[in-house]
């Protein structure tokens, strides 16, 4: 009986796992966040989840209106490049609400722009804080 009570207490105390978003910057249109717990390094490359929280509703060719994007990005730590591997569009801010669309077609590599939100994310992912 004590074992059953212990198991029930452990299960009830374990809440759902949520991303711990860290703010990395802001533009006129969005605030950028990263989840450092998702960083995966392999050789000179890193992958990490990011969140783009739009200040106003945006639209795409497939979605009339979305407020945030969760994106899996890959970083070339030596060449200072990045590309998006996939993303999810959400109806509400901070990746909440209904997932409206999902893309998994990797982009081409692009240089990380100095002074950008992307540069801060690249530094986190590649361990160059």
C-alpha atoms as a PDB file:
ATOM      1  CA  UNK A   1       0.000   0.000   0.000  1.00  0.00           C
ATOM      2  CA  UNK A   2       2.832   2.422   0.828  1.00  0.00           C
ATOM      3  CA  UNK A   3       4.378   1.683  -2.568  1.00  0.00           C
ATOM      4  CA  UNK A   4       1.081   2.486  -4.326  1.00  0.00           C
ATOM      5  CA  UNK A   5       0.751   5.807  -2.459  1.00  0.00           C
ATOM      6  CA  UNK A   6       4.347   6.696  -3.353  1.00  0.00           C
ATOM      7  CA  UNK A   7       3.743   5.945  -7.031  1.00  0.00           C
ATOM      8  CA  UNK A   8       0.556   8.031  -7.050  1.00  0.00           C
ATOM      9  CA  UNK A   9       2.353  10.970  -5.384  1.00  0.00           C
ATOM     10  CA  UNK A  10       5.211  10.833  -7.902  1.00  0.00           C
ATOM     11  CA  UNK A  11       2.813  10.727 -10.854  1.00  0.00           C
ATOM     12  CA  UNK A  12       0.695  13.598  -9.523  1.00  0.00           C
ATOM     13  CA  UNK A  13       3.689  15.793  -8.744  1.00  0.00           C
ATOM     14  CA  UNK A  14       5.217  15.399 -12.192  1.00  0.00           C
ATOM     15  CA  UNK A  15       3.801  18.203 -14.306  1.00  0.00           C
ATOM     16  CA  UNK A  16       3.968  18.363 -18.081  1.00  0.00           C
ATOM     17  CA  UNK A  17       7.333  19.285 -19.595  1.00  0.00           C
ATOM     18  CA  UNK A  18       7.276  22.791 -21.100  1.00  0.00           C
ATOM     19  CA  UNK A  19       9.979  24.544 -23.048  1.00  0.00           C
ATOM     20  CA  UNK A  20      11.887  27.116 -21.044  1.00  0.00           C
ATOM     21  CA  UNK A  21      12.084  29.903 -23.568  1.00  0.00           C
ATOM     22  CA  UNK A  22      14.931  32.373 -23.173  1.00  0.00           C
ATOM     23  CA  UNK A  23      14.469  35.752 -24.837  1.00  0.00           C
ATOM     24  CA  UNK A  24      17.300  36.472 -27.285  1.00  0.00           C
ATOM     25  CA  UNK A  25      16.126  39.642 -28.967  1.00  0.00           C
ATOM     26  CA  UNK A  26      13.456  41.657 -30.668  1.00  0.00           C
ATOM     27  CA  UNK A  27      12.706  43.274 -34.016  1.00  0.00           C
ATOM     28  CA  UNK A  28       9.906  45.575 -35.114  1.00  0.00           C
ATOM     29  CA  UNK A  29       7.709  42.554 -35.883  1.00  0.00           C
ATOM     30  CA  UNK A  30       8.625  39.778 -33.415  1.00  0.00           C
ATOM     31  CA  UNK A  31      10.399  38.764 -30.210  1.00  0.00           C
ATOM     32  CA  UNK A  32      12.799  35.836 -30.555  1.00  0.00           C
ATOM     33  CA  UNK A  33      13.290  33.082 -27.991  1.00  0.00           C
ATOM     34  CA  UNK A  34      15.355  29.886 -27.837  1.00  0.00           C
ATOM     35  CA  UNK A  35      15.123  26.742 -25.734  1.00  0.00           C
ATOM     36  CA  UNK A  36      18.714  25.993 -24.614  1.00  0.00           C
ATOM     37  CA  UNK A  37      17.685  22.532 -23.366  1.00  0.00           C
ATOM     38  CA  UNK A  38      17.099  21.470 -26.978  1.00  0.00           C
ATOM     39  CA  UNK A  39      20.645  22.229 -28.194  1.00  0.00           C
ATOM     40  CA  UNK A  40      22.156  19.198 -29.931  1.00  0.00           C
ATOM     41  CA  UNK A  41      25.792  19.448 -31.037  1.00  0.00           C
ATOM     42  CA  UNK A  42      27.372  17.147 -33.627  1.00  0.00           C
ATOM     43  CA  UNK A  43      30.861  17.984 -34.879  1.00  0.00           C
ATOM     44  CA  UNK A  44      30.746  21.636 -36.012  1.00  0.00           C
ATOM     45  CA  UNK A  45      26.943  21.771 -36.274  1.00  0.00           C
ATOM     46  CA  UNK A  46      24.182  22.458 -33.764  1.00  0.00           C
ATOM     47  CA  UNK A  47      20.400  22.159 -33.811  1.00  0.00           C
ATOM     48  CA  UNK A  48      18.043  24.037 -31.525  1.00  0.00           C
ATOM     49  CA  UNK A  49      14.360  24.992 -31.232  1.00  0.00           C
ATOM     50  CA  UNK A  50      13.428  28.652 -31.416  1.00  0.00           C
ATOM     51  CA  UNK A  51      10.209  30.607 -31.028  1.00  0.00           C
ATOM     52  CA  UNK A  52       9.237  33.706 -32.982  1.00  0.00           C
ATOM     53  CA  UNK A  53       6.443  35.532 -31.164  1.00  0.00           C
ATOM     54  CA  UNK A  54       4.827  37.994 -33.569  1.00  0.00           C
ATOM     55  CA  UNK A  55       3.624  41.373 -32.352  1.00  0.00           C
ATOM     56  CA  UNK A  56       0.707  41.297 -34.809  1.00  0.00           C
ATOM     57  CA  UNK A  57      -0.942  38.529 -36.815  1.00  0.00           C
ATOM     58  CA  UNK A  58       1.001  37.377 -39.867  1.00  0.00           C
ATOM     59  CA  UNK A  59      -0.072  35.342 -42.905  1.00  0.00           C
ATOM     60  CA  UNK A  60       1.545  32.837 -45.250  1.00  0.00           C
ATOM     61  CA  UNK A  61       0.560  31.208 -48.524  1.00  0.00           C
ATOM     62  CA  UNK A  62      -1.192  28.420 -46.564  1.00  0.00           C
ATOM     63  CA  UNK A  63      -2.378  30.181 -43.402  1.00  0.00           C
ATOM     64  CA  UNK A  64      -4.479  33.332 -43.271  1.00  0.00           C
ATOM     65  CA  UNK A  65      -3.422  34.377 -39.755  1.00  0.00           C
ATOM     66  CA  UNK A  66      -0.884  33.147 -37.199  1.00  0.00           C
ATOM     67  CA  UNK A  67       0.755  34.746 -34.162  1.00  0.00           C
ATOM     68  CA  UNK A  68       3.804  32.585 -33.452  1.00  0.00           C
ATOM     69  CA  UNK A  69       6.241  30.119 -34.978  1.00  0.00           C
ATOM     70  CA  UNK A  70       8.235  27.313 -33.372  1.00  0.00           C
ATOM     71  CA  UNK A  71      11.224  26.524 -35.569  1.00  0.00           C
ATOM     72  CA  UNK A  72      13.929  23.865 -35.560  1.00  0.00           C
ATOM     73  CA  UNK A  73      17.083  25.574 -36.806  1.00  0.00           C
ATOM     74  CA  UNK A  74      20.492  24.167 -37.663  1.00  0.00           C
ATOM     75  CA  UNK A  75      23.690  26.155 -37.216  1.00  0.00           C
ATOM     76  CA  UNK A  76      27.080  25.768 -38.887  1.00  0.00           C
ATOM     77  CA  UNK A  77      29.319  26.840 -36.020  1.00  0.00           C
ATOM     78  CA  UNK A  78      32.482  27.263 -38.126  1.00  0.00           C
ATOM     79  CA  UNK A  79      31.046  28.991 -41.181  1.00  0.00           C
ATOM     80  CA  UNK A  80      28.560  31.110 -39.153  1.00  0.00           C
ATOM     81  CA  UNK A  81      25.579  29.984 -41.201  1.00  0.00           C
ATOM     82  CA  UNK A  82      22.055  28.878 -40.365  1.00  0.00           C
ATOM     83  CA  UNK A  83      19.098  27.157 -41.981  1.00  0.00           C
ATOM     84  CA  UNK A  84      15.612  26.229 -40.924  1.00  0.00           C
ATOM     85  CA  UNK A  85      14.822  22.503 -40.845  1.00  0.00           C
ATOM     86  CA  UNK A  86      11.129  22.779 -40.026  1.00  0.00           C
ATOM     87  CA  UNK A  87       8.547  24.972 -38.371  1.00  0.00           C
ATOM     88  CA  UNK A  88       5.067  25.041 -36.888  1.00  0.00           C
ATOM     89  CA  UNK A  89       2.678  28.003 -37.141  1.00  0.00           C
ATOM     90  CA  UNK A  90       0.401  28.654 -34.136  1.00  0.00           C
ATOM     91  CA  UNK A  91      -2.842  30.587 -33.744  1.00  0.00           C
ATOM     92  CA  UNK A  92      -1.779  32.234 -30.476  1.00  0.00           C
ATOM     93  CA  UNK A  93       1.358  33.891 -29.158  1.00  0.00           C
ATOM     94  CA  UNK A  94       4.198  31.929 -27.500  1.00  0.00           C
ATOM     95  CA  UNK A  95       3.447  28.756 -29.478  1.00  0.00           C
ATOM     96  CA  UNK A  96       0.054  28.278 -27.904  1.00  0.00           C
ATOM     97  CA  UNK A  97      -3.340  27.646 -29.384  1.00  0.00           C
ATOM     98  CA  UNK A  98      -3.968  25.538 -32.442  1.00  0.00           C
ATOM     99  CA  UNK A  99      -1.075  24.418 -34.661  1.00  0.00           C
ATOM    100  CA  UNK A 100      -2.242  25.755 -38.019  1.00  0.00           C
ATOM    101  CA  UNK A 101       0.454  24.409 -40.308  1.00  0.00           C
ATOM    102  CA  UNK A 102       3.756  22.558 -40.286  1.00  0.00           C
ATOM    103  CA  UNK A 103       6.682  22.609 -42.727  1.00  0.00           C
ATOM    104  CA  UNK A 104       9.624  20.195 -42.803  1.00  0.00           C
ATOM    105  CA  UNK A 105      11.477  21.199 -45.947  1.00  0.00           C
ATOM    106  CA  UNK A 106      15.036  22.324 -45.010  1.00  0.00           C
ATOM    107  CA  UNK A 107      16.034  25.776 -46.264  1.00  0.00           C
ATOM    108  CA  UNK A 108      19.337  26.595 -47.936  1.00  0.00           C
ATOM    109  CA  UNK A 109      22.201  27.766 -45.722  1.00  0.00           C
ATOM    110  CA  UNK A 110      22.279  31.532 -45.109  1.00  0.00           C
ATOM    111  CA  UNK A 111      24.914  33.643 -43.372  1.00  0.00           C
ATOM    112  CA  UNK A 112      24.145  34.722 -39.813  1.00  0.00           C
ATOM    113  CA  UNK A 113      23.660  38.480 -39.892  1.00  0.00           C
ATOM    114  CA  UNK A 114      25.800  40.430 -37.391  1.00  0.00           C
ATOM    115  CA  UNK A 115      23.775  42.084 -34.634  1.00  0.00           C
ATOM    116  CA  UNK A 116      20.641  40.066 -35.401  1.00  0.00           C
ATOM    117  CA  UNK A 117      18.415  37.890 -33.217  1.00  0.00           C
ATOM    118  CA  UNK A 118      19.780  35.027 -35.324  1.00  0.00           C
ATOM    119  CA  UNK A 119      23.337  35.834 -34.278  1.00  0.00           C
ATOM    120  CA  UNK A 120      22.399  35.629 -30.596  1.00  0.00           C
ATOM    121  CA  UNK A 121      20.719  32.250 -31.269  1.00  0.00           C
ATOM    122  CA  UNK A 122      23.789  31.037 -33.221  1.00  0.00           C
ATOM    123  CA  UNK A 123      26.041  31.993 -30.293  1.00  0.00           C
ATOM    124  CA  UNK A 124      23.842  30.062 -27.840  1.00  0.00           C
ATOM    125  CA  UNK A 125      23.623  26.995 -30.079  1.00  0.00           C
ATOM    126  CA  UNK A 126      27.338  26.911 -30.829  1.00  0.00           C
ATOM    127  CA  UNK A 127      28.435  27.689 -27.278  1.00  0.00           C
ATOM    128  CA  UNK A 128      29.967  31.064 -28.167  1.00  0.00           C
ATOM    129  CA  UNK A 129      28.170  33.154 -25.549  1.00  0.00           C
END
